[in-house]
Amino acid sequence: MSTIRVFVNATPVDAPQGSSALDCVRIWNATEADEVAQGKRAITDSRGLEVDAASPTSAGSILRTVSKRAASA
């Protein structure tokens, strides 16, 4: 299976081609991925825009995990 190089919190990660953003975070840090899945943290792109955890990644993708902001009332 082919792999792609992505970056999660500035760490290079080799992930199987077709991996989701959450898959890449899980390869980098399983605990952090669990927190994303639980809604405690979010995944953002290189611009700081939140991306869906199920979004497919491509070679060179830059992902960051950040604290999930509570919705304002």
Protein backbone atom coordinates (compact mmCIF):
# COMPACT_ATOMS: atom_id res chain seq x y z
CA MET A 1 0.00 0.00 0.00
CA SER A 2 1.27 3.46 -0.87
CA THR A 3 1.90 5.99 1.87
CA ILE A 4 1.81 9.76 1.89
CA ARG A 5 3.70 12.19 4.09
CA VAL A 6 1.53 14.58 6.08
CA PHE A 7 2.36 16.82 9.03
CA VAL A 8 0.48 16.72 12.32
CA ASN A 9 1.45 19.43 14.81
CA ALA A 10 4.70 19.90 12.85
CA THR A 11 5.59 16.19 13.07
CA PRO A 12 6.02 14.27 9.79
CA VAL A 13 3.67 11.28 9.63
CA ASP A 14 3.62 8.58 6.96
CA ALA A 15 0.01 7.50 6.49
CA PRO A 16 -1.64 5.09 4.07
CA GLN A 17 -2.93 6.83 0.96
CA GLY A 18 -6.61 7.65 1.45
CA SER A 19 -6.29 8.24 5.21
CA SER A 20 -8.67 10.68 6.86
CA ALA A 21 -7.50 13.60 8.94
CA LEU A 22 -8.41 11.63 12.08
CA ASP A 23 -6.46 8.60 10.85
CA CYS A 24 -3.37 10.80 10.50
CA VAL A 25 -3.83 12.26 13.97
CA ARG A 26 -4.23 8.72 15.35
CA ILE A 27 -0.94 7.63 13.77
CA TRP A 28 0.71 10.66 15.39
CA ASN A 29 -0.95 10.36 18.82
CA ALA A 30 -3.78 7.96 19.71
CA THR A 31 -4.79 9.89 22.85
CA GLU A 32 -5.13 13.11 20.88
CA ALA A 33 -7.22 11.29 18.25
CA ASP A 34 -9.52 9.96 20.97
CA GLU A 35 -10.04 13.52 22.23
CA VAL A 36 -10.94 14.65 18.70
CA ALA A 37 -13.42 11.77 18.43
CA GLN A 38 -14.93 12.76 21.79
CA GLY A 39 -15.31 16.39 20.71
CA LYS A 40 -12.75 17.75 23.19
CA ARG A 41 -10.30 18.77 20.46
CA ALA A 42 -10.61 19.76 16.80
CA ILE A 43 -8.42 19.35 13.73
CA THR A 44 -7.48 22.45 11.75
CA ASP A 45 -5.62 23.01 8.51
CA SER A 46 -2.53 25.14 8.02
CA ARG A 47 -4.69 28.30 8.02
CA GLY A 48 -6.36 27.44 11.32
CA LEU A 49 -9.68 26.52 9.70
CA GLU A 50 -11.41 23.52 11.23
CA VAL A 51 -11.57 20.44 9.02
CA ASP A 52 -13.91 17.50 9.34
CA ALA A 53 -12.14 14.54 10.94
CA ALA A 54 -13.36 12.32 8.10
CA SER A 55 -11.84 14.58 5.42
CA PRO A 56 -9.37 12.80 3.14
CA THR A 57 -5.78 13.95 3.25
CA SER A 58 -3.21 14.32 0.51
CA ALA A 59 0.56 14.37 0.46
CA GLY A 60 1.84 17.48 2.22
CA SER A 61 -1.32 18.11 4.24
CA ILE A 62 -0.67 20.17 7.35
CA LEU A 63 -2.93 19.40 10.29
CA ARG A 64 -3.03 20.76 13.81
CA THR A 65 -5.05 19.76 16.83
CA VAL A 66 -6.53 22.51 18.98
CA SER A 67 -8.88 22.83 21.93
CA LYS A 68 -12.47 22.63 20.81
CA ARG A 69 -14.26 25.88 21.51
CA ALA A 70 -17.60 25.65 23.19
CA ALA A 71 -20.47 27.11 21.23
CA SER A 72 -21.46 30.56 22.49
CA ALA A 73 -24.96 31.02 23.80
